[in-house]
PDB file of N, CA and C in Angstrom:
ATOM      1  N   MET A   1      80.256 128.852  36.872  1.00  0.00           N
ATOM      2  CA  MET A   1      81.120 127.699  37.049  1.00  0.00           C
ATOM      3  C   MET A   1      80.244 126.447  37.080  1.00  0.00           C
ATOM      4  N   PRO A   2      80.639 125.396  36.369  1.00  0.00           N
ATOM      5  CA  PRO A   2      79.854 124.164  36.374  1.00  0.00           C
ATOM      6  C   PRO A   2      79.718 123.551  37.766  1.00  0.00           C
ATOM      7  N   LYS A   3      78.585 122.895  37.967  1.00  0.00           N
ATOM      8  CA  LYS A   3      78.252 122.258  39.241  1.00  0.00           C
ATOM      9  C   LYS A   3      78.282 120.751  39.068  1.00  0.00           C
ATOM     10  N   TYR A   4      78.760 120.049  40.117  1.00  0.00           N
ATOM     11  CA  TYR A   4      78.873 118.593  40.085  1.00  0.00           C
ATOM     12  C   TYR A   4      78.338 117.999  41.381  1.00  0.00           C
ATOM     13  N   LEU A   5      77.724 116.828  41.244  1.00  0.00           N
ATOM     14  CA  LEU A   5      77.276 116.041  42.385  1.00  0.00           C
ATOM     15  C   LEU A   5      78.222 114.856  42.524  1.00  0.00           C
ATOM     16  N   PHE A   6      78.827 114.721  43.697  1.00  0.00           N
ATOM     17  CA  PHE A   6      79.684 113.577  44.006  1.00  0.00           C
ATOM     18  C   PHE A   6      78.951 112.756  45.059  1.00  0.00           C
ATOM     19  N   GLN A   7      78.745 111.471  44.777  1.00  0.00           N
ATOM     20  CA  GLN A   7      78.099 110.556  45.716  1.00  0.00           C
ATOM     21  C   GLN A   7      79.095 109.442  45.987  1.00  0.00           C
ATOM     22  N   GLY A   8      79.247 109.075  47.256  1.00  0.00           N
ATOM     23  CA  GLY A   8      80.242 108.062  47.529  1.00  0.00           C
ATOM     24  C   GLY A   8      79.970 107.249  48.773  1.00  0.00           C
ATOM     25  N   SER A   9      80.777 106.203  48.893  1.00  0.00           N
ATOM     26  CA  SER A   9      80.702 105.347  50.066  1.00  0.00           C
ATOM     27  C   SER A   9      82.110 105.090  50.569  1.00  0.00           C
ATOM     28  N   TYR A  10      82.201 104.844  51.872  1.00  0.00           N
ATOM     29  CA  TYR A  10      83.483 104.576  52.510  1.00  0.00           C
ATOM     30  C   TYR A  10      83.818 103.093  52.456  1.00  0.00           C
ATOM     31  N   THR A  11      85.088 102.796  52.269  1.00  0.00           N
ATOM     32  CA  THR A  11      85.577 101.443  52.467  1.00  0.00           C
ATOM     33  C   THR A  11      85.723 101.260  53.983  1.00  0.00           C
ATOM     34  N   ALA A  12      86.085 100.072  54.421  1.00  0.00           N
ATOM     35  CA  ALA A  12      86.308  99.845  55.857  1.00  0.00           C
ATOM     36  C   ALA A  12      87.392 100.786  56.384  1.00  0.00           C
ATOM     37  N   THR A  13      88.448 100.989  55.604  1.00  0.00           N
ATOM     38  CA  THR A  13      89.522 101.904  56.006  1.00  0.00           C
ATOM     39  C   THR A  13      89.011 103.334  56.113  1.00  0.00           C
ATOM     40  N   GLY A  14      88.210 103.752  55.128  1.00  0.00           N
ATOM     41  CA  GLY A  14      87.649 105.099  55.149  1.00  0.00           C
ATOM     42  C   GLY A  14      86.713 105.317  56.321  1.00  0.00           C
ATOM     43  N   ALA A  15      85.881 104.313  56.630  1.00  0.00           N
ATOM     44  CA  ALA A  15      84.959 104.417  57.758  1.00  0.00           C
ATOM     45  C   ALA A  15      85.735 104.518  59.077  1.00  0.00           C
ATOM     46  N   ALA A  16      86.829 103.771  59.190  1.00  0.00           N
ATOM     47  CA  ALA A  16      87.653 103.855  60.404  1.00  0.00           C
ATOM     48  C   ALA A  16      88.245 105.254  60.538  1.00  0.00           C
ATOM     49  N   GLY A  17      88.703 105.822  59.431  1.00  0.00           N
ATOM     50  CA  GLY A  17      89.224 107.190  59.457  1.00  0.00           C
ATOM     51  C   GLY A  17      88.158 108.204  59.824  1.00  0.00           C
ATOM     52  N   LEU A  18      86.955 108.007  59.312  1.00  0.00           N
ATOM     53  CA  LEU A  18      85.837 108.900  59.641  1.00  0.00           C
ATOM     54  C   LEU A  18      85.547 108.861  61.139  1.00  0.00           C
ATOM     55  N   ARG A  19      85.607 107.689  61.734  1.00  0.00           N
ATOM     56  CA  ARG A  19      85.366 107.580  63.181  1.00  0.00           C
ATOM     57  C   ARG A  19      86.415 108.349  63.969  1.00  0.00           C
ATOM     58  N   ILE A  20      87.642 108.392  63.475  1.00  0.00           N
ATOM     59  CA  ILE A  20      88.720 109.100  64.175  1.00  0.00           C
ATOM     60  C   ILE A  20      88.566 110.613  64.058  1.00  0.00           C
ATOM     61  N   GLU A  21      88.355 111.114  62.831  1.00  0.00           N
ATOM     62  CA  GLU A  21      88.345 112.566  62.657  1.00  0.00           C
ATOM     63  C   GLU A  21      86.959 113.193  62.617  1.00  0.00           C
ATOM     64  N   GLY A  22      85.910 112.383  62.528  1.00  0.00           N
ATOM     65  CA  GLY A  22      84.550 112.908  62.572  1.00  0.00           C
ATOM     66  C   GLY A  22      84.105 113.535  61.271  1.00  0.00           C
ATOM     67  N   GLY A  23      82.829 113.871  61.253  1.00  0.00           N
ATOM     68  CA  GLY A  23      82.219 114.445  60.060  1.00  0.00           C
ATOM     69  C   GLY A  23      82.763 115.814  59.697  1.00  0.00           C
ATOM     70  N   THR A  24      82.999 116.653  60.699  1.00  0.00           N
ATOM     71  CA  THR A  24      83.506 117.995  60.393  1.00  0.00           C
ATOM     72  C   THR A  24      84.930 117.940  59.856  1.00  0.00           C
ATOM     73  N   GLY A  25      85.697 116.965  60.316  1.00  0.00           N
ATOM     74  CA  GLY A  25      87.054 116.792  59.789  1.00  0.00           C
ATOM     75  C   GLY A  25      87.040 116.388  58.328  1.00  0.00           C
ATOM     76  N   ARG A  26      86.108 115.487  57.960  1.00  0.00           N
ATOM     77  CA  ARG A  26      85.997 115.074  56.557  1.00  0.00           C
ATOM     78  C   ARG A  26      85.503 116.216  55.693  1.00  0.00           C
ATOM     79  N   ARG A  27      84.556 116.987  56.223  1.00  0.00           N
ATOM     80  CA  ARG A  27      84.075 118.143  55.443  1.00  0.00           C
ATOM     81  C   ARG A  27      85.232 119.109  55.191  1.00  0.00           C
ATOM     82  N   ALA A  28      86.031 119.404  56.204  1.00  0.00           N
ATOM     83  CA  ALA A  28      87.156 120.327  56.050  1.00  0.00           C
ATOM     84  C   ALA A  28      88.164 119.797  55.021  1.00  0.00           C
ATOM     85  N   ALA A  29      88.459 118.498  55.074  1.00  0.00           N
ATOM     86  CA  ALA A  29      89.402 117.905  54.112  1.00  0.00           C
ATOM     87  C   ALA A  29      88.843 117.984  52.696  1.00  0.00           C
ATOM     88  N   THR A  30      87.544 117.765  52.553  1.00  0.00           N
ATOM     89  CA  THR A  30      86.901 117.828  51.238  1.00  0.00           C
ATOM     90  C   THR A  30      86.901 119.259  50.714  1.00  0.00           C
ATOM     91  N   GLU A  31      86.608 120.212  51.587  1.00  0.00           N
ATOM     92  CA  GLU A  31      86.647 121.623  51.171  1.00  0.00           C
ATOM     93  C   GLU A  31      88.046 122.007  50.698  1.00  0.00           C
ATOM     94  N   GLN A  32      89.080 121.496  51.369  1.00  0.00           N
ATOM     95  CA  GLN A  32      90.454 121.781  50.967  1.00  0.00           C
ATOM     96  C   GLN A  32      90.751 121.188  49.588  1.00  0.00           C
ATOM     97  N   LEU A  33      90.298 119.959  49.349  1.00  0.00           N
ATOM     98  CA  LEU A  33      90.489 119.326  48.036  1.00  0.00           C
ATOM     99  C   LEU A  33      89.820 120.152  46.946  1.00  0.00           C
ATOM    100  N   VAL A  34      88.566 120.508  47.155  1.00  0.00           N
ATOM    101  CA  VAL A  34      87.820 121.265  46.141  1.00  0.00           C
ATOM    102  C   VAL A  34      88.478 122.628  45.904  1.00  0.00           C
ATOM    103  N   LYS A  35      88.903 123.286  46.972  1.00  0.00           N
ATOM    104  CA  LYS A  35      89.576 124.587  46.845  1.00  0.00           C
ATOM    105  C   LYS A  35      90.867 124.445  46.036  1.00  0.00           C
ATOM    106  N   SER A  36      91.619 123.353  46.263  1.00  0.00           N
ATOM    107  CA  SER A  36      92.882 123.147  45.543  1.00  0.00           C
ATOM    108  C   SER A  36      92.648 122.943  44.048  1.00  0.00           C
ATOM    109  N   LEU A  37      91.425 122.575  43.673  1.00  0.00           N
ATOM    110  CA  LEU A  37      91.066 122.391  42.268  1.00  0.00           C
ATOM    111  C   LEU A  37      90.407 123.641  41.679  1.00  0.00           C
ATOM    112  N   GLY A  38      90.375 124.722  42.444  1.00  0.00           N
ATOM    113  CA  GLY A  38      89.808 125.977  41.956  1.00  0.00           C
ATOM    114  C   GLY A  38      88.315 126.100  42.151  1.00  0.00           C
ATOM    115  N   GLY A  39      87.734 125.273  43.035  1.00  0.00           N
ATOM    116  CA  GLY A  39      86.285 125.279  43.219  1.00  0.00           C
ATOM    117  C   GLY A  39      85.848 125.623  44.625  1.00  0.00           C
ATOM    118  N   THR A  40      84.537 125.526  44.828  1.00  0.00           N
ATOM    119  CA  THR A  40      83.930 125.761  46.134  1.00  0.00           C
ATOM    120  C   THR A  40      82.896 124.685  46.412  1.00  0.00           C
ATOM    121  N   VAL A  41      82.696 124.417  47.700  1.00  0.00           N
ATOM    122  CA  VAL A  41      81.692 123.440  48.127  1.00  0.00           C
ATOM    123  C   VAL A  41      80.381 124.169  48.373  1.00  0.00           C
ATOM    124  N   GLU A  42      79.315 123.697  47.739  1.00  0.00           N
ATOM    125  CA  GLU A  42      77.987 124.257  47.991  1.00  0.00           C
ATOM    126  C   GLU A  42      77.296 123.501  49.120  1.00  0.00           C
ATOM    127  N   ALA A  43      77.415 122.174  49.111  1.00  0.00           N
ATOM    128  CA  ALA A  43      76.736 121.365  50.131  1.00  0.00           C
ATOM    129  C   ALA A  43      77.551 120.096  50.377  1.00  0.00           C
ATOM    130  N   TYR A  44      77.535 119.653  51.637  1.00  0.00           N
ATOM    131  CA  TYR A  44      78.216 118.408  52.019  1.00  0.00           C
ATOM    132  C   TYR A  44      77.350 117.732  53.065  1.00  0.00           C
ATOM    133  N   TYR A  45      76.912 116.519  52.769  1.00  0.00           N
ATOM    134  CA  TYR A  45      76.028 115.791  53.681  1.00  0.00           C
ATOM    135  C   TYR A  45      76.463 114.343  53.811  1.00  0.00           C
ATOM    136  N   PHE A  46      76.173 113.771  54.959  1.00  0.00           N
ATOM    137  CA  PHE A  46      76.304 112.333  55.158  1.00  0.00           C
ATOM    138  C   PHE A  46      74.919 111.728  54.984  1.00  0.00           C
ATOM    139  N   THR A  47      74.873 110.506  54.467  1.00  0.00           N
ATOM    140  CA  THR A  47      73.599 109.852  54.179  1.00  0.00           C
ATOM    141  C   THR A  47      73.639 108.417  54.687  1.00  0.00           C
ATOM    142  N   PHE A  48      72.483 107.737  54.683  1.00  0.00           N
ATOM    143  CA  PHE A  48      72.504 106.306  54.920  1.00  0.00           C
ATOM    144  C   PHE A  48      72.087 105.621  53.642  1.00  0.00           C
ATOM    145  N   GLY A  49      72.295 104.300  53.625  1.00  0.00           N
ATOM    146  CA  GLY A  49      71.905 103.509  52.462  1.00  0.00           C
ATOM    147  C   GLY A  49      73.079 103.235  51.561  1.00  0.00           C
ATOM    148  N   LYS A  50      72.822 103.230  50.262  1.00  0.00           N
ATOM    149  CA  LYS A  50      73.857 102.910  49.281  1.00  0.00           C
ATOM    150  C   LYS A  50      75.047 103.867  49.373  1.00  0.00           C
ATOM    151  N   ASP A  51      74.783 105.136  49.581  1.00  0.00           N
ATOM    152  CA  ASP A  51      75.836 106.142  49.681  1.00  0.00           C
ATOM    153  C   ASP A  51      76.026 106.577  51.127  1.00  0.00           C
ATOM    154  N   ASP A  52      77.267 106.928  51.452  1.00  0.00           N
ATOM    155  CA  ASP A  52      77.590 107.424  52.791  1.00  0.00           C
ATOM    156  C   ASP A  52      77.684 108.949  52.830  1.00  0.00           C
ATOM    157  N   PHE A  53      77.935 109.554  51.682  1.00  0.00           N
ATOM    158  CA  PHE A  53      78.045 111.018  51.642  1.00  0.00           C
ATOM    159  C   PHE A  53      77.663 111.527  50.265  1.00  0.00           C
ATOM    160  N   LEU A  54      77.331 112.821  50.222  1.00  0.00           N
ATOM    161  CA  LEU A  54      77.157 113.499  48.948  1.00  0.00           C
ATOM    162  C   LEU A  54      77.704 114.906  49.070  1.00  0.00           C
ATOM    163  N   LEU A  55      78.184 115.385  47.950  1.00  0.00           N
ATOM    164  CA  LEU A  55      78.832 116.686  47.870  1.00  0.00           C
ATOM    165  C   LEU A  55      78.336 117.362  46.610  1.00  0.00           C
ATOM    166  N   ILE A  56      77.983 118.622  46.717  1.00  0.00           N
ATOM    167  CA  ILE A  56      77.713 119.440  45.535  1.00  0.00           C
ATOM    168  C   ILE A  56      78.792 120.507  45.515  1.00  0.00           C
ATOM    169  N   ALA A  57      79.522 120.563  44.403  1.00  0.00           N
ATOM    170  CA  ALA A  57      80.640 121.499  44.301  1.00  0.00           C
ATOM    171  C   ALA A  57      80.613 122.226  42.970  1.00  0.00           C
ATOM    172  N   ASP A  58      81.085 123.469  43.005  1.00  0.00           N
ATOM    173  CA  ASP A  58      81.308 124.249  41.797  1.00  0.00           C
ATOM    174  C   ASP A  58      82.781 124.087  41.455  1.00  0.00           C
ATOM    175  N   LEU A  59      83.070 123.653  40.240  1.00  0.00           N
ATOM    176  CA  LEU A  59      84.448 123.457  39.789  1.00  0.00           C
ATOM    177  C   LEU A  59      84.615 124.075  38.409  1.00  0.00           C
ATOM    178  N   PRO A  60      85.857 124.437  38.047  1.00  0.00           N
ATOM    179  CA  PRO A  60      86.057 125.075  36.749  1.00  0.00           C
ATOM    180  C   PRO A  60      85.613 124.238  35.551  1.00  0.00           C
ATOM    181  N   GLY A  61      85.682 122.904  35.650  1.00  0.00           N
ATOM    182  CA  GLY A  61      85.277 122.091  34.511  1.00  0.00           C
ATOM    183  C   GLY A  61      85.434 120.609  34.774  1.00  0.00           C
ATOM    184  N   ASN A  62      85.230 119.824  33.718  1.00  0.00           N
ATOM    185  CA  ASN A  62      85.276 118.373  33.824  1.00  0.00           C
ATOM    186  C   ASN A  62      86.641 117.840  34.249  1.00  0.00           C
ATOM    187  N   VAL A  63      87.716 118.486  33.820  1.00  0.00           N
ATOM    188  CA  VAL A  63      89.056 118.029  34.187  1.00  0.00           C
ATOM    189  C   VAL A  63      89.228 118.079  35.704  1.00  0.00           C
ATOM    190  N   GLN A  64      88.820 119.176  36.316  1.00  0.00           N
ATOM    191  CA  GLN A  64      88.953 119.311  37.766  1.00  0.00           C
ATOM    192  C   GLN A  64      88.020 118.355  38.503  1.00  0.00           C
ATOM    193  N   ALA A  65      86.805 118.155  37.987  1.00  0.00           N
ATOM    194  CA  ALA A  65      85.873 117.206  38.598  1.00  0.00           C
ATOM    195  C   ALA A  65      86.442 115.794  38.537  1.00  0.00           C
ATOM    196  N   ALA A  66      86.996 115.422  37.391  1.00  0.00           N
ATOM    197  CA  ALA A  66      87.599 114.098  37.251  1.00  0.00           C
ATOM    198  C   ALA A  66      88.809 113.953  38.159  1.00  0.00           C
ATOM    199  N   ALA A  67      89.608 115.003  38.278  1.00  0.00           N
ATOM    200  CA  ALA A  67      90.784 114.953  39.148  1.00  0.00           C
ATOM    201  C   ALA A  67      90.376 114.718  40.597  1.00  0.00           C
ATOM    202  N   GLY A  68      89.355 115.428  41.056  1.00  0.00           N
ATOM    203  CA  GLY A  68      88.884 115.237  42.428  1.00  0.00           C
ATOM    204  C   GLY A  68      88.379 113.830  42.659  1.00  0.00           C
ATOM    205  N   SER A  69      87.647 113.310  41.712  1.00  0.00           N
ATOM    206  CA  SER A  69      87.124 111.952  41.810  1.00  0.00           C
ATOM    207  C   SER A  69      88.262 110.935  41.831  1.00  0.00           C
ATOM    208  N   LEU A  70      89.250 111.125  40.974  1.00  0.00           N
ATOM    209  CA  LEU A  70      90.395 110.211  40.919  1.00  0.00           C
ATOM    210  C   LEU A  70      91.212 110.241  42.205  1.00  0.00           C
ATOM    211  N   VAL A  71      91.436 111.430  42.734  1.00  0.00           N
ATOM    212  CA  VAL A  71      92.202 111.549  43.978  1.00  0.00           C
ATOM    213  C   VAL A  71      91.493 110.811  45.108  1.00  0.00           C
ATOM    214  N   GLY A  72      90.191 111.029  45.232  1.00  0.00           N
ATOM    215  CA  GLY A  72      89.439 110.355  46.286  1.00  0.00           C
ATOM    216  C   GLY A  72      89.400 108.854  46.104  1.00  0.00           C
ATOM    217  N   SER A  73      89.063 108.406  44.911  1.00  0.00           N
ATOM    218  CA  SER A  73      88.937 106.974  44.648  1.00  0.00           C
ATOM    219  C   SER A  73      90.270 106.242  44.767  1.00  0.00           C
ATOM    220  N   SER A  74      91.346 106.877  44.301  1.00  0.00           N
ATOM    221  CA  SER A  74      92.655 106.204  44.346  1.00  0.00           C
ATOM    222  C   SER A  74      93.225 106.110  45.754  1.00  0.00           C
ATOM    223  N   SER A  75      92.618 106.826  46.702  1.00  0.00           N
ATOM    224  CA  SER A  75      93.085 106.738  48.089  1.00  0.00           C
ATOM    225  C   SER A  75      92.758 105.379  48.700  1.00  0.00           C
ATOM    226  N   GLY A  76      91.784 104.684  48.134  1.00  0.00           N
ATOM    227  CA  GLY A  76      91.346 103.412  48.685  1.00  0.00           C
ATOM    228  C   GLY A  76      90.385 103.553  49.849  1.00  0.00           C
ATOM    229  N   ALA A  77      90.092 104.788  50.250  1.00  0.00           N
ATOM    230  CA  ALA A  77      89.211 105.034  51.396  1.00  0.00           C
ATOM    231  C   ALA A  77      87.758 105.243  50.997  1.00  0.00           C
ATOM    232  N   ILE A  78      87.536 105.599  49.723  1.00  0.00           N
ATOM    233  CA  ILE A  78      86.172 105.853  49.253  1.00  0.00           C
ATOM    234  C   ILE A  78      85.990 105.322  47.840  1.00  0.00           C
ATOM    235  N   SER A  79      84.737 105.142  47.491  1.00  0.00           N
ATOM    236  CA  SER A  79      84.316 104.877  46.121  1.00  0.00           C
ATOM    237  C   SER A  79      83.382 106.030  45.774  1.00  0.00           C
ATOM    238  N   VAL A  80      83.597 106.676  44.633  1.00  0.00           N
ATOM    239  CA  VAL A  80      82.829 107.886  44.320  1.00  0.00           C
ATOM    240  C   VAL A  80      82.281 107.847  42.893  1.00  0.00           C
ATOM    241  N   ARG A  81      81.083 108.434  42.724  1.00  0.00           N
ATOM    242  CA  ARG A  81      80.464 108.642  41.419  1.00  0.00           C
ATOM    243  C   ARG A  81      80.285 110.147  41.230  1.00  0.00           C
ATOM    244  N   THR A  82      80.536 110.618  40.031  1.00  0.00           N
ATOM    245  CA  THR A  82      80.454 112.044  39.733  1.00  0.00           C
ATOM    246  C   THR A  82      79.395 112.288  38.669  1.00  0.00           C
ATOM    247  N   THR A  83      78.509 113.251  38.917  1.00  0.00           N
ATOM    248  CA  THR A  83      77.439 113.594  37.983  1.00  0.00           C
ATOM    249  C   THR A  83      77.461 115.092  37.718  1.00  0.00           C
ATOM    250  N   PRO A  84      77.620 115.512  36.449  1.00  0.00           N
ATOM    251  CA  PRO A  84      77.498 116.940  36.144  1.00  0.00           C
ATOM    252  C   PRO A  84      76.040 117.376  36.351  1.00  0.00           C
ATOM    253  N   LEU A  85      75.864 118.552  36.902  1.00  0.00           N
ATOM    254  CA  LEU A  85      74.521 119.086  37.138  1.00  0.00           C
ATOM    255  C   LEU A  85      74.244 120.222  36.155  1.00  0.00           C
ATOM    256  N   LEU A  86      73.051 120.213  35.558  1.00  0.00           N
ATOM    257  CA  LEU A  86      72.659 121.235  34.590  1.00  0.00           C
ATOM    258  C   LEU A  86      71.551 122.101  35.162  1.00  0.00           C
ATOM    259  N   THR A  87      71.604 123.374  34.869  1.00  0.00           N
ATOM    260  CA  THR A  87      70.538 124.281  35.278  1.00  0.00           C
ATOM    261  C   THR A  87      69.362 124.130  34.311  1.00  0.00           C
ATOM    262  N   PRO A  88      68.168 124.569  34.714  1.00  0.00           N
ATOM    263  CA  PRO A  88      67.041 124.558  33.769  1.00  0.00           C
ATOM    264  C   PRO A  88      67.341 125.359  32.498  1.00  0.00           C
ATOM    265  N   GLU A  89      68.088 126.443  32.632  1.00  0.00           N
ATOM    266  CA  GLU A  89      68.432 127.263  31.471  1.00  0.00           C
ATOM    267  C   GLU A  89      69.363 126.511  30.513  1.00  0.00           C
ATOM    268  N   GLU A  90      70.277 125.715  31.061  1.00  0.00           N
ATOM    269  CA  GLU A  90      71.143 124.915  30.206  1.00  0.00           C
ATOM    270  C   GLU A  90      70.344 123.851  29.459  1.00  0.00           C
ATOM    271  N   VAL A  91      69.344 123.281  30.098  1.00  0.00           N
ATOM    272  CA  VAL A  91      68.481 122.305  29.433  1.00  0.00           C
ATOM    273  C   VAL A  91      67.664 122.992  28.346  1.00  0.00           C
ATOM    274  N   ASP A  92      67.191 124.218  28.620  1.00  0.00           N
ATOM    275  CA  ASP A  92      66.477 124.980  27.588  1.00  0.00           C
ATOM    276  C   ASP A  92      67.368 125.163  26.363  1.00  0.00           C
ATOM    277  N   ALA A  93      68.623 125.546  26.585  1.00  0.00           N
ATOM    278  CA  ALA A  93      69.555 125.753  25.470  1.00  0.00           C
ATOM    279  C   ALA A  93      69.815 124.442  24.738  1.00  0.00           C
ATOM    280  N   ALA A  94      69.940 123.347  25.470  1.00  0.00           N
ATOM    281  CA  ALA A  94      70.152 122.038  24.844  1.00  0.00           C
ATOM    282  C   ALA A  94      68.957 121.634  23.996  1.00  0.00           C
ATOM    283  N   ALA A  95      67.759 121.927  24.484  1.00  0.00           N
ATOM    284  CA  ALA A  95      66.544 121.574  23.752  1.00  0.00           C
ATOM    285  C   ALA A  95      66.442 122.343  22.434  1.00  0.00           C
ATOM    286  N   LYS A  96      67.034 123.523  22.383  1.00  0.00           N
ATOM    287  CA  LYS A  96      66.989 124.346  21.177  1.00  0.00           C
ATOM    288  C   LYS A  96      68.145 124.052  20.227  1.00  0.00           C
ATOM    289  N   GLN A  97      69.106 123.278  20.681  1.00  0.00           N
ATOM    290  CA  GLN A  97      70.281 122.959  19.870  1.00  0.00           C
ATOM    291  C   GLN A  97      69.888 122.051  18.717  1.00  0.00           C
ATOM    292  N   SER A  98      70.312 122.403  17.521  1.00  0.00           N
ATOM    293  CA  SER A  98      70.023 121.592  16.341  1.00  0.00           C
ATOM    294  C   SER A  98      71.042 120.466  16.247  1.00  0.00           C
ATOM    295  N   ALA A  99      70.587 119.253  15.935  1.00  0.00           N
ATOM    296  CA  ALA A  99      71.482 118.113  15.808  1.00  0.00           C
ATOM    297  C   ALA A  99      70.875 117.124  14.810  1.00  0.00           C
ATOM    298  N   THR A 100      71.729 116.361  14.160  1.00  0.00           N
ATOM    299  CA  THR A 100      71.297 115.330  13.238  1.00  0.00           C
ATOM    300  C   THR A 100      71.563 113.977  13.877  1.00  0.00           C
ATOM    301  N   TYR A 101      70.562 113.081  13.825  1.00  0.00           N
ATOM    302  CA  TYR A 101      70.680 111.775  14.477  1.00  0.00           C
ATOM    303  C   TYR A 101      69.945 110.721  13.683  1.00  0.00           C
ATOM    304  N   ARG A 102      70.564 109.547  13.545  1.00  0.00           N
ATOM    305  CA  ARG A 102      69.923 108.399  12.923  1.00  0.00           C
ATOM    306  C   ARG A 102      69.865 107.304  13.974  1.00  0.00           C
ATOM    307  N   PRO A 103      68.650 106.838  14.363  1.00  0.00           N
ATOM    308  CA  PRO A 103      68.528 105.766  15.342  1.00  0.00           C
ATOM    309  C   PRO A 103      69.138 104.464  14.821  1.00  0.00           C
ATOM    310  N   PRO A 104      69.573 103.584  15.717  1.00  0.00           N
ATOM    311  CA  PRO A 104      70.113 102.298  15.284  1.00  0.00           C
ATOM    312  C   PRO A 104      69.111 101.540  14.420  1.00  0.00           C
ATOM    313  N   GLY A 105      69.578 100.975  13.330  1.00  0.00           N
ATOM    314  CA  GLY A 105      68.733 100.172  12.458  1.00  0.00           C
ATOM    315  C   GLY A 105      67.851 100.957  11.501  1.00  0.00           C
ATOM    316  N   ALA A 106      67.890 102.274  11.570  1.00  0.00           N
ATOM    317  CA  ALA A 106      67.033 103.094  10.697  1.00  0.00           C
ATOM    318  C   ALA A 106      67.722 103.424   9.398  1.00  0.00           C
TER     319      ALA A 106
END
């Protein structure tokens, strides 16, 4: 199953909600969201700096990853970025893939 990294920050409303339900409450809500999309949570952490949290999840595909991101972002409580994660073996396969390319201006 494909793996995705979700990095996000809370709006003022989201931060107020986090203070009410705590970190474990947010983790449980996130696990429920991911499960409803057919996936599982591998890791969930809170961070400081530009991002307030990060999540690594296994999801069936890009449609489910986009759906999770849209649901979270449209709530107005968070801003989220989604990054597909590739294994070293997938990069090996990509490196062996034949493709034709013409650089700009060439």
